[in-house]
Amino acid sequence: MDKHITAVKELPGYCRKKDAWNQIVDLAGYSKIIPQVDVIRIHEEHASRLRSEWFITLDGAPFSWIELDTLEEKRFIFQSEAISGDFDTLKGEWKIEDRKSGGICLSYSLEYDLGIPVIEENCGDILKAKLQCFIDTLVEKQSFSIRENSAEGRRFKRVPLNRHCSFIIDGRIVEANILNFSRGGMAINLLKGMLGTAPYRETELHMDAVSSQGRLVFDHHYNTHRVIFSEPLNESDFKSLFAQWAEGVSFSDEMVRIYEVMTAPSSGVPRQFTQMSAG
């Protein structure tokens, strides 16, 4: 019996490979969107390697294993191989590719072997069907989240700042150049301090009087970090932070227009911002 299965999903339109990559390497988030995944525990995290422990349930049958994960972000390939657990062989591979007509193609392939001939002889077809259903769901749910996150990312326009600021991430004081900022997140160049090497992890931020939970993403292509807020900043917090961080920065009319759109519906641009733009 062939013990290779694959699921493929095309995502036309506006879907970036980088956004899809951030979604699929977020193993801790799988249990939130994929019903068969009970929990995934991350035991080791490095820039290009993980060691994770999986617990899943397929139609009432529990399975678990520990795997080593290899992340090749430049090629958008995420490979895994079980080193212990219920399967004698379990190798998976995520792949993200561009579509010629626009958008991306997301695929996941799995090679498996339970390693128990008696069970596979009698229940091999059933096991394969269960695993196929699992990876079909895996790819479908991830694709849906990628589309949702892409739409969410376009909801908040970004204003360029290029401003040196200090704030606290996970209890550490860091200094960074804030490249751009929106209610949904910000892009930064780290100048001083440490952010850790995990490829995509939960983080807690304290920015002046504003606190927020978020995800920290490292973009190897631009050598920058992006903080994606778990919940968009409310208008009041956004205006407060923007007014403090943007103090002394000269803004073009286009940037003022973007800011007005970002904070709509509002009573207008804060007076401090208007004064700065006028200067």
Protein backbone atom coordinates (compact mmCIF):
# COMPACT_ATOMS: atom_id res chain seq x y z
CA MET A 1 0.00 0.00 0.00
CA ASP A 2 1.20 3.47 -0.88
CA LYS A 3 1.90 5.36 2.34
CA HIS A 4 2.24 8.83 0.85
CA ILE A 5 -0.62 11.33 0.99
CA THR A 6 -0.88 14.95 -0.14
CA ALA A 7 -3.25 17.89 0.18
CA VAL A 8 -3.07 21.00 -2.01
CA LYS A 9 -4.92 24.31 -1.82
CA GLU A 10 -4.64 27.25 -4.19
CA LEU A 11 -5.15 30.72 -2.77
CA PRO A 12 -5.75 33.19 -5.62
CA GLY A 13 -5.68 36.94 -5.23
CA TYR A 14 -3.81 38.84 -2.56
CA CYS A 15 -1.94 36.23 -0.47
CA ARG A 16 1.77 36.64 0.18
CA LYS A 17 4.07 33.68 0.73
CA LYS A 18 5.52 35.42 3.78
CA ASP A 19 2.09 35.68 5.42
CA ALA A 20 1.39 32.01 4.71
CA TRP A 21 4.79 31.07 6.11
CA ASN A 22 4.13 32.91 9.36
CA GLN A 23 0.88 30.99 9.68
CA ILE A 24 2.19 27.46 9.10
CA VAL A 25 5.27 27.76 11.34
CA ASP A 26 3.07 28.89 14.24
CA LEU A 27 2.72 25.35 15.66
CA ALA A 28 1.36 26.61 18.98
CA GLY A 29 -1.66 27.99 17.13
CA TYR A 30 -2.65 24.75 15.37
CA SER A 31 -4.89 23.50 18.18
CA LYS A 32 -6.93 26.72 17.97
CA ILE A 33 -8.04 26.12 14.37
CA ILE A 34 -7.62 22.38 13.67
CA PRO A 35 -10.10 20.17 15.57
CA GLN A 36 -7.99 16.98 15.41
CA VAL A 37 -5.02 18.67 17.12
CA ASP A 38 -5.30 18.45 20.90
CA VAL A 39 -2.05 20.23 21.76
CA ILE A 40 1.43 20.85 20.36
CA ARG A 41 4.23 21.51 22.82
CA ILE A 42 7.36 23.30 21.66
CA HIS A 43 10.42 21.96 23.49
CA GLU A 44 13.20 23.72 21.59
CA GLU A 45 13.16 26.76 19.35
CA HIS A 46 15.89 28.05 17.06
CA ALA A 47 15.88 30.25 14.00
CA SER A 48 15.67 27.29 11.62
CA ARG A 49 14.88 24.26 13.79
CA LEU A 50 12.22 23.22 16.28
CA ARG A 51 11.54 20.16 18.41
CA SER A 52 7.83 19.71 18.99
CA GLU A 53 5.56 17.16 20.65
CA TRP A 54 2.19 16.46 19.02
CA PHE A 55 -1.02 15.04 20.48
CA ILE A 56 -3.87 14.47 18.02
CA THR A 57 -7.12 12.48 17.95
CA LEU A 58 -8.42 10.89 14.74
CA ASP A 59 -12.04 9.73 15.13
CA GLY A 60 -11.50 8.87 18.79
CA ALA A 61 -8.07 7.25 18.30
CA PRO A 62 -5.25 9.15 20.05
CA PHE A 63 -1.80 9.50 18.47
CA SER A 64 1.32 11.26 19.73
CA TRP A 65 4.91 11.76 18.64
CA ILE A 66 7.94 14.01 18.98
CA GLU A 67 9.34 15.50 15.80
CA LEU A 68 12.23 17.61 14.59
CA ASP A 69 11.18 20.49 12.35
CA THR A 70 13.42 22.18 9.80
CA LEU A 71 12.47 25.64 8.53
CA GLU A 72 13.85 26.83 5.18
CA GLU A 73 12.26 30.24 4.96
CA LYS A 74 14.13 31.32 1.85
CA ARG A 75 12.60 28.39 -0.06
CA PHE A 76 9.32 28.46 1.93
CA ILE A 77 9.68 24.78 2.83
CA PHE A 78 8.90 23.45 6.31
CA GLN A 79 9.90 19.80 6.88
CA SER A 80 9.30 17.55 9.87
CA GLU A 81 10.35 14.05 10.90
CA ALA A 82 9.17 12.09 13.94
CA ILE A 83 11.97 10.80 16.19
CA SER A 84 9.74 8.94 18.65
CA GLY A 85 6.08 8.10 19.21
CA ASP A 86 3.29 6.01 17.73
CA PHE A 87 4.61 5.97 14.14
CA ASP A 88 7.66 4.12 12.95
CA THR A 89 7.94 6.68 10.13
CA LEU A 90 6.28 10.06 9.94
CA LYS A 91 7.69 12.71 7.61
CA GLY A 92 5.83 15.84 6.59
CA GLU A 93 6.54 18.76 4.31
CA TRP A 94 4.82 22.10 3.87
CA LYS A 95 5.55 23.95 0.65
CA ILE A 96 4.44 27.42 -0.44
CA GLU A 97 4.72 28.39 -4.09
CA ASP A 98 3.62 31.29 -6.27
CA ARG A 99 0.77 30.83 -8.76
CA LYS A 100 1.39 32.09 -12.28
CA SER A 101 -2.00 33.80 -12.30
CA GLY A 102 -1.45 35.41 -8.88
CA GLY A 103 -1.72 34.30 -5.29
CA ILE A 104 -0.04 31.22 -3.85
CA CYS A 105 -0.31 27.44 -3.73
CA LEU A 106 -0.12 25.75 -0.34
CA SER A 107 0.66 22.02 -0.15
CA TYR A 108 1.36 19.46 2.54
CA SER A 109 2.68 15.96 1.91
CA LEU A 110 3.01 13.14 4.43
CA GLU A 111 4.92 9.87 4.41
CA TYR A 112 3.92 7.50 7.19
CA ASP A 113 4.40 3.95 8.47
CA LEU A 114 2.82 2.70 11.68
CA GLY A 115 5.38 -0.11 11.86
CA ILE A 116 2.89 -2.75 13.03
CA PRO A 117 2.28 -5.13 10.07
CA VAL A 118 -0.74 -6.88 11.62
CA ILE A 119 -2.63 -3.63 12.20
CA GLU A 120 -1.68 -2.20 8.81
CA GLU A 121 -2.76 -5.39 7.04
CA ASN A 122 -6.20 -5.25 8.58
CA CYS A 123 -6.71 -1.51 9.08
CA GLY A 124 -4.30 0.08 6.62
CA ASP A 125 -7.03 1.56 4.41
CA ILE A 126 -8.84 2.99 7.43
CA LEU A 127 -5.65 4.56 8.81
CA LYS A 128 -4.81 6.11 5.44
CA ALA A 129 -8.32 7.54 5.12
CA LYS A 130 -8.10 9.05 8.61
CA LEU A 131 -4.70 10.60 7.90
CA GLN A 132 -5.90 11.93 4.55
CA CYS A 133 -8.87 13.55 6.27
CA PHE A 134 -6.50 15.02 8.85
CA ILE A 135 -4.14 16.67 6.37
CA ASP A 136 -7.07 17.82 4.20
CA THR A 137 -8.43 19.60 7.27
CA LEU A 138 -4.96 20.87 8.14
CA VAL A 139 -4.46 22.51 4.77
CA GLU A 140 -8.05 23.79 4.51
CA LYS A 141 -8.02 25.41 7.96
CA GLN A 142 -4.60 26.95 7.45
CA SER A 143 -5.65 28.30 4.06
CA PHE A 144 -8.74 29.88 5.58
CA SER A 145 -6.67 31.54 8.32
CA ILE A 146 -4.13 32.79 5.78
CA ARG A 147 -6.91 34.43 3.75
CA GLU A 148 -8.47 35.92 6.87
CA ASN A 149 -5.13 37.26 8.11
CA SER A 150 -4.32 38.70 4.69
CA ALA A 151 -7.62 40.56 4.68
CA GLU A 152 -7.02 41.72 8.25
CA GLY A 153 -3.55 42.94 7.34
CA ARG A 154 -4.99 45.15 4.60
CA ARG A 155 -7.56 46.62 6.98
CA PHE A 156 -5.02 48.84 8.76
CA LYS A 157 -2.94 51.20 6.67
CA ARG A 158 0.65 51.62 7.79
CA VAL A 159 2.25 54.99 8.42
CA PRO A 160 6.05 55.20 7.97
CA LEU A 161 7.84 56.59 11.03
CA ASN A 162 11.57 55.76 10.93
CA ARG A 163 11.77 56.79 14.59
CA HIS A 164 14.19 55.67 17.35
CA CYS A 165 12.18 54.53 20.40
CA SER A 166 12.52 52.39 23.52
CA PHE A 167 9.92 49.94 24.83
CA ILE A 168 9.66 46.63 26.69
CA ILE A 169 9.21 43.23 25.04
CA ASP A 170 8.84 40.18 27.29
CA GLY A 171 10.32 42.09 30.23
CA ARG A 172 13.38 43.25 28.29
CA ILE A 173 14.10 46.87 27.46
CA VAL A 174 14.90 47.21 23.78
CA GLU A 175 15.78 50.11 21.54
CA ALA A 176 14.58 49.96 17.97
CA ASN A 177 13.95 52.02 14.92
CA ILE A 178 10.21 51.86 14.25
CA LEU A 179 9.92 51.69 10.48
CA ASN A 180 6.14 51.80 10.27
CA PHE A 181 3.20 51.58 12.64
CA SER A 182 -0.51 50.76 12.43
CA ARG A 183 -3.30 49.65 14.71
CA GLY A 184 -2.50 46.08 13.64
CA GLY A 185 1.25 46.07 14.34
CA MET A 186 4.62 47.61 13.59
CA ALA A 187 7.87 46.88 11.77
CA ILE A 188 11.12 47.51 13.65
CA ASN A 189 14.87 47.36 13.24
CA LEU A 190 16.43 46.22 16.51
CA LEU A 191 19.20 48.56 17.67
CA LYS A 192 19.86 47.41 21.24
CA GLY A 193 18.55 44.50 23.32
CA MET A 194 17.47 40.93 22.59
CA LEU A 195 14.22 39.60 21.14
CA GLY A 196 15.06 35.87 21.05
CA THR A 197 15.41 33.58 18.04
CA ALA A 198 12.03 31.83 17.89
CA PRO A 199 10.61 32.09 14.36
CA TYR A 200 7.09 33.02 15.34
CA ARG A 201 6.18 33.35 18.98
CA GLU A 202 3.83 34.97 21.44
CA THR A 203 5.18 38.15 22.99
CA GLU A 204 4.09 40.84 25.45
CA LEU A 205 4.77 44.49 24.77
CA HIS A 206 4.75 47.55 27.01
CA MET A 207 4.86 50.74 24.99
CA ASP A 208 4.74 53.77 27.27
CA ALA A 209 1.32 53.47 28.97
CA VAL A 210 -0.01 50.92 26.46
CA SER A 211 0.34 47.13 26.85
CA SER A 212 -0.45 44.57 24.18
CA GLN A 213 -0.08 40.88 23.36
CA GLY A 214 1.23 39.97 19.94
CA ARG A 215 3.31 37.79 17.68
CA LEU A 216 6.93 38.43 16.82
CA VAL A 217 8.02 37.62 13.26
CA PHE A 218 11.53 37.93 11.82
CA ASP A 219 11.71 38.81 8.14
CA HIS A 220 15.00 37.43 6.82
CA HIS A 221 14.57 39.15 3.47
CA TYR A 222 14.48 42.65 4.98
CA ASN A 223 16.35 41.77 8.20
CA THR A 224 13.58 43.34 10.27
CA HIS A 225 11.11 42.22 12.93
CA ARG A 226 7.37 42.65 12.64
CA VAL A 227 5.11 42.73 15.69
CA ILE A 228 1.54 41.68 14.90
CA PHE A 229 -0.86 42.68 17.67
CA SER A 230 -3.21 39.89 18.80
CA GLU A 231 -5.97 42.48 19.05
CA PRO A 232 -5.85 45.75 17.08
CA LEU A 233 -5.05 48.78 19.20
CA ASN A 234 -8.08 50.87 19.98
CA GLU A 235 -8.18 54.33 18.47
CA SER A 236 -7.30 56.10 21.72
CA ASP A 237 -4.16 54.01 22.39
CA PHE A 238 -3.08 54.26 18.78
CA LYS A 239 -3.38 58.07 18.76
CA SER A 240 -1.56 58.32 22.10
CA LEU A 241 1.39 56.20 20.96
CA PHE A 242 1.54 57.80 17.56
CA ALA A 243 1.61 61.30 19.04
CA GLN A 244 4.50 60.36 21.36
CA TRP A 245 6.55 58.43 18.82
CA ALA A 246 6.01 60.89 16.01
CA GLU A 247 7.01 63.96 18.03
CA GLY A 248 9.41 66.08 16.02
CA VAL A 249 8.91 64.10 12.80
CA SER A 250 7.93 65.97 9.65
CA PHE A 251 4.99 64.47 7.75
CA SER A 252 3.85 64.89 4.19
CA ASP A 253 0.25 65.62 3.24
CA GLU A 254 -0.06 62.03 2.00
CA MET A 255 0.97 60.66 5.41
CA VAL A 256 -1.59 62.91 7.11
CA ARG A 257 -4.27 61.60 4.74
CA ILE A 258 -3.28 57.98 5.50
CA TYR A 259 -3.45 58.71 9.22
CA GLU A 260 -6.92 60.20 8.88
CA VAL A 261 -8.12 57.11 6.99
CA MET A 262 -6.55 54.78 9.55
CA THR A 263 -8.32 56.34 12.51
CA ALA A 264 -11.70 56.90 10.84
CA PRO A 265 -14.36 57.30 12.01
CA SER A 266 -12.89 59.95 14.25
CA SER A 267 -13.35 63.62 14.98
CA GLY A 268 -10.12 64.40 13.20
CA VAL A 269 -6.37 64.23 13.51
CA PRO A 270 -4.99 64.99 16.99
CA ARG A 271 -3.92 68.62 17.29
CA GLN A 272 -0.32 67.63 18.03
CA PHE A 273 -0.22 65.65 14.79
CA THR A 274 -1.76 68.53 12.82
CA GLN A 275 0.82 70.94 14.26
CA MET A 276 3.66 68.60 13.33
CA SER A 277 2.39 68.14 9.78
CA ALA A 278 2.06 71.87 9.36
CA GLY A 279 5.70 72.31 10.33
